[in-house]
Amino acid sequence: MEDADLEEFLNLSVPDKNSRLDSRAHRIVVTVECLHLLHKLGDAVEVLRQDQPVELQNIIQRSTTGVKEGAAKGFSGSLLSALFSSVVDQFTLVAQGCHLIGRTMVKVASRNNEWCQAKLEQSEVWAKVQTAVQDMLKNYLDFDNKMAIHQPTKAQFSEPTADINSYFVRRKNVR
């Protein structure tokens, strides 16, 4: 959402049907204004900060369930890639929503000639998103080689092993 759009929106009580603002953005802006008028914006931001890691994990769980259901219905493709794309898309929406909340808090406070005490920093939001993505990848990919007990060892392979160095050794020219 552009600053001009936000400025236009904050000056209107009901968004114009032709406006580029969607209903989610409208609800966010109205909610921030209401919390500001009730003097509960700081508390709400603190709750948002505390609940964000849990909610990010919930997004991962719901996305995992959706990908599993898609696989059961015959989805042909990389499941990890589908999961990762879905999670990243949703996390981007979360970050955009937090950015909108932060910008709206500043605009509402400045419109009322007040100082905005509650801050929602984008770097903080993205740090939590990054932690959630790292946890997801750590859980879904075998970085610690925990699955090695299920994989055959070198002795179990039926193919004879050859010394690969012999391929790269320079051969003598025979005259």
N, C-alpha and C. Protein backbone atom coordinates (compact mmCIF):
# COMPACT_ATOMS: atom_id res chain seq x y z
N MET A 1 0.85 -1.15 0.00
CA MET A 1 0.00 0.00 0.00
C MET A 1 0.90 1.23 0.00
N GLU A 2 0.62 2.14 -0.85
CA GLU A 2 1.41 3.36 -0.98
C GLU A 2 0.99 4.36 0.10
N ASP A 3 1.89 5.30 0.41
CA ASP A 3 1.57 6.32 1.41
C ASP A 3 0.37 7.15 0.99
N ALA A 4 0.27 7.45 -0.30
CA ALA A 4 -0.87 8.23 -0.80
C ALA A 4 -2.17 7.47 -0.58
N ASP A 5 -2.15 6.16 -0.81
CA ASP A 5 -3.34 5.35 -0.58
C ASP A 5 -3.72 5.34 0.89
N LEU A 6 -2.71 5.21 1.75
CA LEU A 6 -2.97 5.20 3.18
C LEU A 6 -3.51 6.55 3.63
N GLU A 7 -2.92 7.61 3.13
CA GLU A 7 -3.38 8.97 3.46
C GLU A 7 -4.83 9.14 3.03
N GLU A 8 -5.14 8.69 1.82
CA GLU A 8 -6.52 8.76 1.31
C GLU A 8 -7.45 7.96 2.20
N PHE A 9 -6.98 6.79 2.61
CA PHE A 9 -7.82 5.91 3.40
C PHE A 9 -8.08 6.48 4.79
N LEU A 10 -7.06 7.06 5.39
CA LEU A 10 -7.22 7.60 6.73
C LEU A 10 -8.15 8.81 6.75
N ASN A 11 -8.33 9.45 5.62
CA ASN A 11 -9.21 10.60 5.54
C ASN A 11 -10.65 10.20 5.24
N LEU A 12 -10.88 8.94 4.89
CA LEU A 12 -12.22 8.46 4.57
C LEU A 12 -12.73 7.57 5.68
N SER A 13 -14.02 7.63 5.93
CA SER A 13 -14.57 6.72 6.92
C SER A 13 -14.90 5.37 6.29
N VAL A 14 -15.29 5.36 5.04
CA VAL A 14 -15.59 4.13 4.32
C VAL A 14 -14.79 4.16 3.02
N PRO A 15 -14.06 3.09 2.73
CA PRO A 15 -13.25 3.11 1.52
C PRO A 15 -14.12 3.13 0.26
N ASP A 16 -13.65 3.82 -0.73
CA ASP A 16 -14.33 3.90 -2.02
C ASP A 16 -14.23 2.54 -2.70
N LYS A 17 -15.26 2.14 -3.42
CA LYS A 17 -15.24 0.85 -4.10
C LYS A 17 -14.16 0.80 -5.17
N ASN A 18 -13.79 1.95 -5.72
CA ASN A 18 -12.75 2.00 -6.74
C ASN A 18 -11.35 2.14 -6.15
N SER A 19 -11.25 2.25 -4.83
CA SER A 19 -9.96 2.41 -4.18
C SER A 19 -9.14 1.13 -4.31
N ARG A 20 -7.81 1.29 -4.31
CA ARG A 20 -6.93 0.14 -4.43
C ARG A 20 -6.77 -0.60 -3.11
N LEU A 21 -7.35 -0.07 -2.06
CA LEU A 21 -7.26 -0.72 -0.76
C LEU A 21 -8.22 -1.89 -0.71
N ASP A 22 -7.74 -3.01 -0.19
CA ASP A 22 -8.63 -4.16 -0.08
C ASP A 22 -9.27 -4.20 1.30
N SER A 23 -10.16 -5.13 1.50
CA SER A 23 -10.91 -5.19 2.75
C SER A 23 -10.02 -5.55 3.93
N ARG A 24 -8.98 -6.36 3.71
CA ARG A 24 -8.07 -6.69 4.82
C ARG A 24 -7.34 -5.45 5.31
N ALA A 25 -6.86 -4.65 4.37
CA ALA A 25 -6.17 -3.42 4.75
C ALA A 25 -7.13 -2.48 5.46
N HIS A 26 -8.35 -2.43 4.98
CA HIS A 26 -9.37 -1.59 5.61
C HIS A 26 -9.60 -2.02 7.06
N ARG A 27 -9.73 -3.31 7.28
CA ARG A 27 -9.95 -3.81 8.64
C ARG A 27 -8.76 -3.52 9.54
N ILE A 28 -7.55 -3.66 9.01
CA ILE A 28 -6.35 -3.38 9.80
C ILE A 28 -6.31 -1.91 10.22
N VAL A 29 -6.55 -1.02 9.27
CA VAL A 29 -6.49 0.40 9.56
C VAL A 29 -7.57 0.79 10.56
N VAL A 30 -8.78 0.30 10.39
CA VAL A 30 -9.87 0.62 11.31
C VAL A 30 -9.56 0.07 12.70
N THR A 31 -9.04 -1.14 12.76
CA THR A 31 -8.70 -1.74 14.06
C THR A 31 -7.62 -0.93 14.77
N VAL A 32 -6.59 -0.51 14.04
CA VAL A 32 -5.53 0.30 14.64
C VAL A 32 -6.10 1.62 15.15
N GLU A 33 -6.97 2.25 14.38
CA GLU A 33 -7.60 3.51 14.83
C GLU A 33 -8.42 3.29 16.09
N CYS A 34 -9.19 2.21 16.13
CA CYS A 34 -10.02 1.93 17.31
C CYS A 34 -9.16 1.67 18.53
N LEU A 35 -8.11 0.87 18.36
CA LEU A 35 -7.20 0.60 19.48
C LEU A 35 -6.53 1.88 19.97
N HIS A 36 -6.20 2.75 19.04
CA HIS A 36 -5.60 4.03 19.41
C HIS A 36 -6.58 4.86 20.24
N LEU A 37 -7.83 4.94 19.79
CA LEU A 37 -8.83 5.72 20.51
C LEU A 37 -9.12 5.14 21.89
N LEU A 38 -8.98 3.84 22.03
CA LEU A 38 -9.21 3.18 23.33
C LEU A 38 -7.96 3.18 24.20
N HIS A 39 -6.88 3.74 23.67
CA HIS A 39 -5.58 3.75 24.36
C HIS A 39 -5.09 2.34 24.67
N LYS A 40 -5.34 1.41 23.77
CA LYS A 40 -4.92 0.02 23.93
C LYS A 40 -3.95 -0.41 22.84
N LEU A 41 -3.48 0.53 22.05
CA LEU A 41 -2.61 0.19 20.92
C LEU A 41 -1.29 -0.40 21.39
N GLY A 42 -0.70 0.16 22.43
CA GLY A 42 0.56 -0.36 22.96
C GLY A 42 0.42 -1.79 23.44
N ASP A 43 -0.69 -2.08 24.15
CA ASP A 43 -0.93 -3.44 24.63
C ASP A 43 -1.12 -4.40 23.47
N ALA A 44 -1.85 -3.95 22.46
CA ALA A 44 -2.11 -4.80 21.30
C ALA A 44 -0.82 -5.12 20.55
N VAL A 45 0.06 -4.13 20.43
CA VAL A 45 1.34 -4.36 19.74
C VAL A 45 2.19 -5.35 20.53
N GLU A 46 2.17 -5.23 21.85
CA GLU A 46 2.94 -6.16 22.68
C GLU A 46 2.40 -7.59 22.56
N VAL A 47 1.08 -7.74 22.54
CA VAL A 47 0.48 -9.06 22.35
C VAL A 47 0.84 -9.61 20.96
N LEU A 48 0.82 -8.74 19.97
CA LEU A 48 1.20 -9.14 18.61
C LEU A 48 2.64 -9.64 18.59
N ARG A 49 3.53 -8.93 19.26
CA ARG A 49 4.94 -9.35 19.33
C ARG A 49 5.09 -10.72 19.99
N GLN A 50 4.35 -10.93 21.07
CA GLN A 50 4.46 -12.18 21.80
C GLN A 50 3.85 -13.35 21.04
N ASP A 51 2.74 -13.12 20.37
CA ASP A 51 2.02 -14.20 19.69
C ASP A 51 2.56 -14.51 18.29
N GLN A 52 3.35 -13.61 17.74
CA GLN A 52 3.79 -13.79 16.36
C GLN A 52 4.54 -15.10 16.11
N PRO A 53 5.51 -15.52 16.94
CA PRO A 53 6.19 -16.79 16.66
C PRO A 53 5.24 -17.99 16.64
N VAL A 54 4.28 -18.00 17.57
CA VAL A 54 3.31 -19.10 17.61
C VAL A 54 2.44 -19.09 16.36
N GLU A 55 2.00 -17.92 15.96
CA GLU A 55 1.15 -17.82 14.77
C GLU A 55 1.92 -18.18 13.50
N LEU A 56 3.19 -17.85 13.43
CA LEU A 56 4.00 -18.24 12.27
C LEU A 56 4.11 -19.76 12.21
N GLN A 57 4.28 -20.40 13.36
CA GLN A 57 4.32 -21.87 13.38
C GLN A 57 2.97 -22.46 12.97
N ASN A 58 1.88 -21.80 13.37
CA ASN A 58 0.55 -22.25 12.96
C ASN A 58 0.39 -22.17 11.44
N ILE A 59 0.94 -21.13 10.84
CA ILE A 59 0.90 -21.01 9.37
C ILE A 59 1.64 -22.18 8.74
N ILE A 60 2.78 -22.53 9.30
CA ILE A 60 3.55 -23.67 8.76
C ILE A 60 2.76 -24.96 8.90
N GLN A 61 2.12 -25.16 10.05
CA GLN A 61 1.33 -26.38 10.26
C GLN A 61 0.16 -26.47 9.29
N ARG A 62 -0.57 -25.35 9.12
CA ARG A 62 -1.70 -25.36 8.18
C ARG A 62 -1.23 -25.58 6.75
N SER A 63 -0.11 -24.98 6.38
CA SER A 63 0.43 -25.16 5.03
C SER A 63 0.87 -26.60 4.82
N THR A 64 1.48 -27.19 5.83
CA THR A 64 1.91 -28.59 5.74
C THR A 64 0.70 -29.50 5.55
N THR A 65 -0.35 -29.24 6.29
CA THR A 65 -1.57 -30.03 6.15
C THR A 65 -2.15 -29.87 4.75
N GLY A 66 -2.15 -28.65 4.24
CA GLY A 66 -2.67 -28.40 2.90
C GLY A 66 -1.86 -29.12 1.83
N VAL A 67 -0.55 -29.12 1.98
CA VAL A 67 0.31 -29.80 0.99
C VAL A 67 0.11 -31.31 1.09
N LYS A 68 -0.03 -31.83 2.32
CA LYS A 68 -0.28 -33.27 2.49
C LYS A 68 -1.60 -33.67 1.82
N GLU A 69 -2.62 -32.85 2.01
CA GLU A 69 -3.91 -33.15 1.38
C GLU A 69 -3.81 -33.07 -0.13
N GLY A 70 -3.03 -32.12 -0.63
CA GLY A 70 -2.81 -32.03 -2.07
C GLY A 70 -2.07 -33.24 -2.61
N ALA A 71 -1.12 -33.75 -1.84
CA ALA A 71 -0.38 -34.95 -2.25
C ALA A 71 -1.30 -36.16 -2.26
N ALA A 72 -2.21 -36.22 -1.30
CA ALA A 72 -3.15 -37.35 -1.24
C ALA A 72 -4.12 -37.31 -2.42
N LYS A 73 -4.39 -36.12 -2.94
CA LYS A 73 -5.31 -35.98 -4.07
C LYS A 73 -4.61 -36.11 -5.41
N GLY A 74 -3.31 -36.40 -5.38
CA GLY A 74 -2.61 -36.64 -6.63
C GLY A 74 -1.75 -35.49 -7.12
N PHE A 75 -1.37 -34.58 -6.24
CA PHE A 75 -0.48 -33.48 -6.64
C PHE A 75 0.83 -34.07 -7.12
N SER A 76 1.22 -33.67 -8.31
CA SER A 76 2.50 -34.14 -8.83
C SER A 76 3.46 -32.97 -8.89
N GLY A 77 4.45 -33.03 -8.08
CA GLY A 77 5.44 -31.96 -8.02
C GLY A 77 6.23 -32.10 -6.75
N SER A 78 7.13 -31.20 -6.57
CA SER A 78 7.96 -31.22 -5.38
C SER A 78 7.16 -30.72 -4.19
N LEU A 79 6.95 -31.59 -3.22
CA LEU A 79 6.14 -31.22 -2.06
C LEU A 79 6.85 -30.16 -1.21
N LEU A 80 8.16 -30.32 -1.05
CA LEU A 80 8.89 -29.34 -0.24
C LEU A 80 8.87 -27.97 -0.92
N SER A 81 8.98 -27.96 -2.23
CA SER A 81 8.94 -26.70 -2.96
C SER A 81 7.55 -26.06 -2.83
N ALA A 82 6.50 -26.85 -2.93
CA ALA A 82 5.14 -26.34 -2.78
C ALA A 82 4.92 -25.80 -1.37
N LEU A 83 5.41 -26.53 -0.38
CA LEU A 83 5.27 -26.08 1.01
C LEU A 83 6.03 -24.79 1.22
N PHE A 84 7.26 -24.73 0.76
CA PHE A 84 8.08 -23.55 0.96
C PHE A 84 7.46 -22.34 0.27
N SER A 85 6.97 -22.51 -0.95
CA SER A 85 6.33 -21.40 -1.68
C SER A 85 5.09 -20.90 -0.93
N SER A 86 4.30 -21.82 -0.45
CA SER A 86 3.09 -21.45 0.28
C SER A 86 3.43 -20.69 1.56
N VAL A 87 4.40 -21.19 2.29
CA VAL A 87 4.78 -20.54 3.55
C VAL A 87 5.38 -19.16 3.30
N VAL A 88 6.24 -19.05 2.31
CA VAL A 88 6.86 -17.76 2.01
C VAL A 88 5.80 -16.74 1.58
N ASP A 89 4.84 -17.17 0.77
CA ASP A 89 3.77 -16.26 0.34
C ASP A 89 2.97 -15.76 1.54
N GLN A 90 2.64 -16.66 2.46
CA GLN A 90 1.86 -16.27 3.63
C GLN A 90 2.68 -15.40 4.58
N PHE A 91 3.95 -15.72 4.74
CA PHE A 91 4.81 -14.90 5.60
C PHE A 91 4.98 -13.50 5.02
N THR A 92 5.01 -13.40 3.70
CA THR A 92 5.10 -12.08 3.07
C THR A 92 3.84 -11.27 3.38
N LEU A 93 2.69 -11.91 3.35
CA LEU A 93 1.44 -11.22 3.70
C LEU A 93 1.45 -10.78 5.16
N VAL A 94 1.99 -11.61 6.04
CA VAL A 94 2.09 -11.24 7.46
C VAL A 94 2.98 -10.01 7.60
N ALA A 95 4.13 -10.02 6.93
CA ALA A 95 5.05 -8.88 7.01
C ALA A 95 4.42 -7.61 6.44
N GLN A 96 3.68 -7.75 5.34
CA GLN A 96 3.00 -6.59 4.77
C GLN A 96 1.94 -6.06 5.72
N GLY A 97 1.22 -6.96 6.39
CA GLY A 97 0.22 -6.54 7.37
C GLY A 97 0.85 -5.81 8.54
N CYS A 98 1.98 -6.32 9.02
CA CYS A 98 2.69 -5.65 10.13
C CYS A 98 3.22 -4.29 9.68
N HIS A 99 3.67 -4.22 8.44
CA HIS A 99 4.14 -2.95 7.92
C HIS A 99 2.99 -1.94 7.85
N LEU A 100 1.83 -2.40 7.42
CA LEU A 100 0.65 -1.54 7.37
C LEU A 100 0.25 -1.09 8.77
N ILE A 101 0.32 -1.98 9.74
CA ILE A 101 0.00 -1.62 11.12
C ILE A 101 0.95 -0.53 11.60
N GLY A 102 2.24 -0.72 11.37
CA GLY A 102 3.23 0.27 11.80
C GLY A 102 3.02 1.62 11.16
N ARG A 103 2.79 1.63 9.86
CA ARG A 103 2.57 2.91 9.16
C ARG A 103 1.29 3.57 9.61
N THR A 104 0.26 2.78 9.86
CA THR A 104 -1.02 3.33 10.31
C THR A 104 -0.88 3.91 11.70
N MET A 105 -0.11 3.24 12.58
CA MET A 105 0.09 3.77 13.93
C MET A 105 0.74 5.15 13.88
N VAL A 106 1.74 5.29 13.03
CA VAL A 106 2.43 6.58 12.90
C VAL A 106 1.49 7.64 12.34
N LYS A 107 0.71 7.29 11.31
CA LYS A 107 -0.21 8.25 10.70
C LYS A 107 -1.30 8.68 11.67
N VAL A 108 -1.86 7.74 12.41
CA VAL A 108 -2.92 8.06 13.35
C VAL A 108 -2.38 8.95 14.46
N ALA A 109 -1.20 8.62 14.96
CA ALA A 109 -0.60 9.44 16.03
C ALA A 109 -0.29 10.85 15.53
N SER A 110 0.27 10.95 14.33
CA SER A 110 0.61 12.28 13.81
C SER A 110 -0.65 13.09 13.50
N ARG A 111 -1.70 12.42 13.05
CA ARG A 111 -2.95 13.12 12.77
C ARG A 111 -3.56 13.69 14.04
N ASN A 112 -3.34 13.00 15.16
CA ASN A 112 -3.88 13.46 16.44
C ASN A 112 -2.85 14.26 17.24
N ASN A 113 -1.76 14.66 16.58
CA ASN A 113 -0.68 15.43 17.21
C ASN A 113 -0.15 14.74 18.47
N GLU A 114 0.05 13.46 18.36
CA GLU A 114 0.57 12.67 19.47
C GLU A 114 1.84 11.97 19.02
N TRP A 115 2.59 11.51 20.00
CA TRP A 115 3.79 10.74 19.70
C TRP A 115 3.45 9.27 19.78
N CYS A 116 3.84 8.51 18.80
CA CYS A 116 3.54 7.07 18.75
C CYS A 116 4.54 6.32 19.62
N GLN A 117 4.09 5.87 20.79
CA GLN A 117 4.97 5.15 21.69
C GLN A 117 5.18 3.72 21.26
N ALA A 118 4.15 3.08 20.80
CA ALA A 118 4.25 1.68 20.37
C ALA A 118 4.86 1.64 18.98
N LYS A 119 5.84 0.80 18.81
CA LYS A 119 6.49 0.66 17.50
C LYS A 119 6.48 -0.81 17.11
N LEU A 120 6.28 -1.03 15.85
CA LEU A 120 6.34 -2.38 15.29
C LEU A 120 7.36 -2.33 14.17
N GLU A 121 8.58 -2.72 14.49
CA GLU A 121 9.69 -2.62 13.55
C GLU A 121 9.67 -3.77 12.55
N GLN A 122 9.90 -3.44 11.30
CA GLN A 122 9.95 -4.47 10.25
C GLN A 122 11.10 -5.44 10.47
N SER A 123 12.22 -4.93 10.98
CA SER A 123 13.36 -5.82 11.21
C SER A 123 13.01 -6.88 12.25
N GLU A 124 12.23 -6.51 13.24
CA GLU A 124 11.80 -7.46 14.27
C GLU A 124 10.86 -8.51 13.67
N VAL A 125 9.96 -8.06 12.83
CA VAL A 125 9.02 -8.97 12.17
C VAL A 125 9.78 -9.97 11.29
N TRP A 126 10.68 -9.44 10.46
CA TRP A 126 11.42 -10.32 9.55
C TRP A 126 12.36 -11.26 10.30
N ALA A 127 12.88 -10.85 11.45
CA ALA A 127 13.73 -11.74 12.25
C ALA A 127 12.92 -12.93 12.74
N LYS A 128 11.69 -12.69 13.15
CA LYS A 128 10.82 -13.78 13.60
C LYS A 128 10.43 -14.69 12.44
N VAL A 129 10.19 -14.08 11.28
CA VAL A 129 9.88 -14.87 10.08
C VAL A 129 11.08 -15.74 9.72
N GLN A 130 12.26 -15.16 9.76
CA GLN A 130 13.47 -15.92 9.43
C GLN A 130 13.67 -17.08 10.39
N THR A 131 13.44 -16.85 11.67
CA THR A 131 13.56 -17.92 12.65
C THR A 131 12.56 -19.04 12.37
N ALA A 132 11.35 -18.68 12.02
CA ALA A 132 10.32 -19.68 11.72
C ALA A 132 10.70 -20.49 10.47
N VAL A 133 11.22 -19.83 9.45
CA VAL A 133 11.65 -20.54 8.23
C VAL A 133 12.82 -21.46 8.54
N GLN A 134 13.78 -20.99 9.34
CA GLN A 134 14.90 -21.83 9.72
C GLN A 134 14.44 -23.06 10.49
N ASP A 135 13.51 -22.88 11.41
CA ASP A 135 12.98 -24.02 12.16
C ASP A 135 12.27 -24.99 11.24
N MET A 136 11.50 -24.46 10.29
CA MET A 136 10.78 -25.32 9.35
C MET A 136 11.77 -26.15 8.53
N LEU A 137 12.77 -25.49 7.98
CA LEU A 137 13.75 -26.21 7.16
C LEU A 137 14.54 -27.22 8.00
N LYS A 138 14.84 -26.85 9.21
CA LYS A 138 15.57 -27.76 10.10
C LYS A 138 14.73 -29.00 10.39
N ASN A 139 13.41 -28.82 10.55
CA ASN A 139 12.52 -29.94 10.83
C ASN A 139 12.26 -30.81 9.60
N TYR A 140 12.24 -30.20 8.42
CA TYR A 140 11.87 -30.94 7.22
C TYR A 140 13.07 -31.47 6.44
N LEU A 141 14.23 -30.90 6.66
CA LEU A 141 15.43 -31.37 5.99
C LEU A 141 16.34 -32.02 7.03
N ASP A 142 17.09 -33.01 6.61
CA ASP A 142 17.90 -33.80 7.52
C ASP A 142 19.32 -33.23 7.61
N PHE A 143 19.44 -32.09 8.32
CA PHE A 143 20.75 -31.47 8.46
C PHE A 143 21.64 -32.25 9.42
N ASP A 144 21.06 -32.85 10.42
CA ASP A 144 21.84 -33.56 11.43
C ASP A 144 22.07 -35.02 11.06
N ASN A 145 21.67 -35.41 9.87
CA ASN A 145 21.85 -36.78 9.36
C ASN A 145 21.17 -37.80 10.27
N LYS A 146 19.98 -37.46 10.76
CA LYS A 146 19.23 -38.37 11.62
C LYS A 146 18.66 -39.54 10.85
N MET A 147 18.46 -39.35 9.57
CA MET A 147 17.88 -40.42 8.75
C MET A 147 18.94 -41.40 8.25
N ALA A 148 20.17 -41.27 8.68
CA ALA A 148 21.24 -42.14 8.20
C ALA A 148 20.99 -43.59 8.57
N ILE A 149 20.22 -43.85 9.62
CA ILE A 149 19.96 -45.23 10.01
C ILE A 149 19.08 -45.93 8.99
N HIS A 150 18.35 -45.16 8.19
CA HIS A 150 17.46 -45.74 7.19
C HIS A 150 18.14 -45.86 5.83
N GLN A 151 19.30 -45.26 5.66
CA GLN A 151 19.97 -45.29 4.37
C GLN A 151 21.02 -46.38 4.37
N PRO A 152 21.22 -47.04 3.24
CA PRO A 152 22.20 -48.12 3.19
C PRO A 152 23.62 -47.58 3.39
N THR A 153 24.41 -48.39 4.05
CA THR A 153 25.80 -48.02 4.25
C THR A 153 26.59 -48.38 3.01
N LYS A 154 27.85 -48.01 3.00
CA LYS A 154 28.70 -48.25 1.85
C LYS A 154 28.84 -49.75 1.58
N ALA A 155 28.88 -50.55 2.63
CA ALA A 155 29.04 -52.00 2.47
C ALA A 155 27.79 -52.64 1.88
N GLN A 156 26.62 -51.99 1.99
CA GLN A 156 25.39 -52.57 1.50
C GLN A 156 25.16 -52.34 0.02
N PHE A 157 25.94 -51.46 -0.61
CA PHE A 157 25.78 -51.24 -2.03
C PHE A 157 26.33 -52.43 -2.79
N SER A 158 25.64 -52.85 -3.84
CA SER A 158 26.07 -54.03 -4.59
C SER A 158 27.09 -53.68 -5.67
N GLU A 159 27.26 -52.41 -5.97
CA GLU A 159 28.18 -52.03 -7.03
C GLU A 159 29.60 -52.01 -6.49
N PRO A 160 30.55 -52.47 -7.31
CA PRO A 160 31.95 -52.39 -6.86
C PRO A 160 32.41 -50.94 -6.90
N THR A 161 33.20 -50.57 -5.96
CA THR A 161 33.68 -49.20 -5.92
C THR A 161 35.03 -49.13 -6.62
N ALA A 162 35.21 -48.11 -7.38
CA ALA A 162 36.46 -47.92 -8.11
C ALA A 162 37.13 -46.66 -7.59
N ASP A 163 38.42 -46.66 -7.69
CA ASP A 163 39.15 -45.48 -7.27
C ASP A 163 39.01 -44.43 -8.36
N ILE A 164 38.35 -43.34 -8.04
CA ILE A 164 38.07 -42.30 -9.02
C ILE A 164 39.34 -41.56 -9.42
N ASN A 165 40.36 -41.61 -8.58
CA ASN A 165 41.62 -40.94 -8.90
C ASN A 165 42.26 -41.50 -10.17
N SER A 166 42.02 -42.77 -10.45
CA SER A 166 42.61 -43.37 -11.65
C SER A 166 42.07 -42.72 -12.92
N TYR A 167 40.92 -42.17 -12.87
CA TYR A 167 40.34 -41.50 -14.03
C TYR A 167 41.08 -40.20 -14.32
N PHE A 168 41.53 -39.52 -13.29
CA PHE A 168 42.15 -38.22 -13.46
C PHE A 168 43.68 -38.27 -13.56
N VAL A 169 44.28 -39.40 -13.34
CA VAL A 169 45.74 -39.52 -13.42
C VAL A 169 46.17 -39.36 -14.87
N ARG A 170 47.20 -38.59 -15.06
CA ARG A 170 47.71 -38.35 -16.41
C ARG A 170 48.34 -39.65 -16.95
N ARG A 171 47.93 -40.01 -18.11
CA ARG A 171 48.44 -41.24 -18.71
C ARG A 171 49.72 -40.95 -19.49
N LYS A 172 50.62 -41.93 -19.45
CA LYS A 172 51.86 -41.81 -20.22
C LYS A 172 51.59 -42.13 -21.67
N ASN A 173 52.19 -41.36 -22.52
CA ASN A 173 52.05 -41.63 -23.95
C ASN A 173 52.91 -42.83 -24.33
N VAL A 174 52.31 -43.78 -25.00
CA VAL A 174 53.04 -44.96 -25.47
C VAL A 174 53.49 -44.70 -26.87
N ARG A 175 54.86 -44.88 -27.15
CA ARG A 175 55.39 -44.61 -28.49
C ARG A 175 55.81 -45.84 -29.18
